Amino acid sequence: MTETMGVAIGIGLLLTAIIIGITDSALSFIAFALGFGVGLALLIYAGAKYNR
């Protein structure tokens, strides 16, 4: 589960870098926020599941 969290955050960071490189736009942080949000949600889910 935590591997999936890292992958989600990593994909968000990669997409952010690609979008900034292509468009030079601050809107690329939407990709970062989505990736980080998904990773954080997975982290919370894993914590709740395994720490009962």
C-alpha atoms as a PDB file:
ATOM      1  CA  MET A   1       0.000   0.000   0.000  1.00  0.00           C
ATOM      2  CA  THR A   2       2.756   2.473   0.871  1.00  0.00           C
ATOM      3  CA  GLU A   3       4.493   1.713  -2.421  1.00  0.00           C
ATOM      4  CA  THR A   4       1.335   2.830  -4.215  1.00  0.00           C
ATOM      5  CA  MET A   5       1.375   6.057  -2.198  1.00  0.00           C
ATOM      6  CA  GLY A   6       4.937   6.782  -3.300  1.00  0.00           C
ATOM      7  CA  VAL A   7       4.083   6.020  -6.908  1.00  0.00           C
ATOM      8  CA  ALA A   8       1.070   8.364  -6.827  1.00  0.00           C
ATOM      9  CA  ILE A   9       3.137  11.227  -5.407  1.00  0.00           C
ATOM     10  CA  GLY A  10       5.966  10.508  -7.858  1.00  0.00           C
ATOM     11  CA  ILE A  11       3.623  10.549 -10.849  1.00  0.00           C
ATOM     12  CA  GLY A  12       2.220  13.875  -9.666  1.00  0.00           C
ATOM     13  CA  LEU A  13       5.719  15.334  -9.398  1.00  0.00           C
ATOM     14  CA  LEU A  14       6.708  13.989 -12.808  1.00  0.00           C
ATOM     15  CA  LEU A  15       3.590  15.387 -14.472  1.00  0.00           C
ATOM     16  CA  THR A  16       4.230  18.736 -12.789  1.00  0.00           C
ATOM     17  CA  ALA A  17       7.774  18.866 -14.170  1.00  0.00           C
ATOM     18  CA  ILE A  18       6.642  17.899 -17.670  1.00  0.00           C
ATOM     19  CA  ILE A  19       3.834  20.458 -17.743  1.00  0.00           C
ATOM     20  CA  ILE A  20       6.105  23.229 -16.430  1.00  0.00           C
ATOM     21  CA  GLY A  21       8.700  22.315 -19.061  1.00  0.00           C
ATOM     22  CA  ILE A  22       6.189  22.406 -21.901  1.00  0.00           C
ATOM     23  CA  THR A  23       3.884  25.271 -20.964  1.00  0.00           C
ATOM     24  CA  ASP A  24       5.851  27.212 -18.315  1.00  0.00           C
ATOM     25  CA  SER A  25       2.560  27.570 -16.467  1.00  0.00           C
ATOM     26  CA  ALA A  26       1.813  27.594 -12.761  1.00  0.00           C
ATOM     27  CA  LEU A  27      -1.356  25.604 -13.489  1.00  0.00           C
ATOM     28  CA  SER A  28       0.805  22.469 -13.575  1.00  0.00           C
ATOM     29  CA  PHE A  29       0.655  22.404  -9.800  1.00  0.00           C
ATOM     30  CA  ILE A  30      -2.844  20.993 -10.207  1.00  0.00           C
ATOM     31  CA  ALA A  31      -1.129  17.750 -11.287  1.00  0.00           C
ATOM     32  CA  PHE A  32       1.109  17.930  -8.218  1.00  0.00           C
ATOM     33  CA  ALA A  33      -1.857  18.564  -5.921  1.00  0.00           C
ATOM     34  CA  LEU A  34      -3.810  15.644  -7.378  1.00  0.00           C
ATOM     35  CA  GLY A  35      -0.867  13.241  -7.087  1.00  0.00           C
ATOM     36  CA  PHE A  36      -0.083  14.413  -3.572  1.00  0.00           C
ATOM     37  CA  GLY A  37      -3.736  14.201  -2.552  1.00  0.00           C
ATOM     38  CA  VAL A  38      -4.091  10.648  -3.836  1.00  0.00           C
ATOM     39  CA  GLY A  39      -0.856   9.625  -2.114  1.00  0.00           C
ATOM     40  CA  LEU A  40      -1.944  11.227   1.147  1.00  0.00           C
ATOM     41  CA  ALA A  41      -5.339   9.518   0.971  1.00  0.00           C
ATOM     42  CA  LEU A  42      -3.625   6.158   0.433  1.00  0.00           C
ATOM     43  CA  LEU A  43      -1.328   6.851   3.379  1.00  0.00           C
ATOM     44  CA  ILE A  44      -4.273   7.616   5.655  1.00  0.00           C
ATOM     45  CA  TYR A  45      -6.130   4.523   4.408  1.00  0.00           C
ATOM     46  CA  ALA A  46      -3.099   2.287   5.022  1.00  0.00           C
ATOM     47  CA  GLY A  47      -2.575   3.757   8.470  1.00  0.00           C
ATOM     48  CA  ALA A  48      -6.183   3.172   9.440  1.00  0.00           C
ATOM     49  CA  LYS A  49      -6.155  -0.357   8.030  1.00  0.00           C
ATOM     50  CA  TYR A  50      -2.948  -1.616   9.648  1.00  0.00           C
ATOM     51  CA  ASN A  51      -2.984   0.276  12.955  1.00  0.00           C
ATOM     52  CA  ARG A  52      -6.219  -1.052  14.390  1.00  0.00           C
END
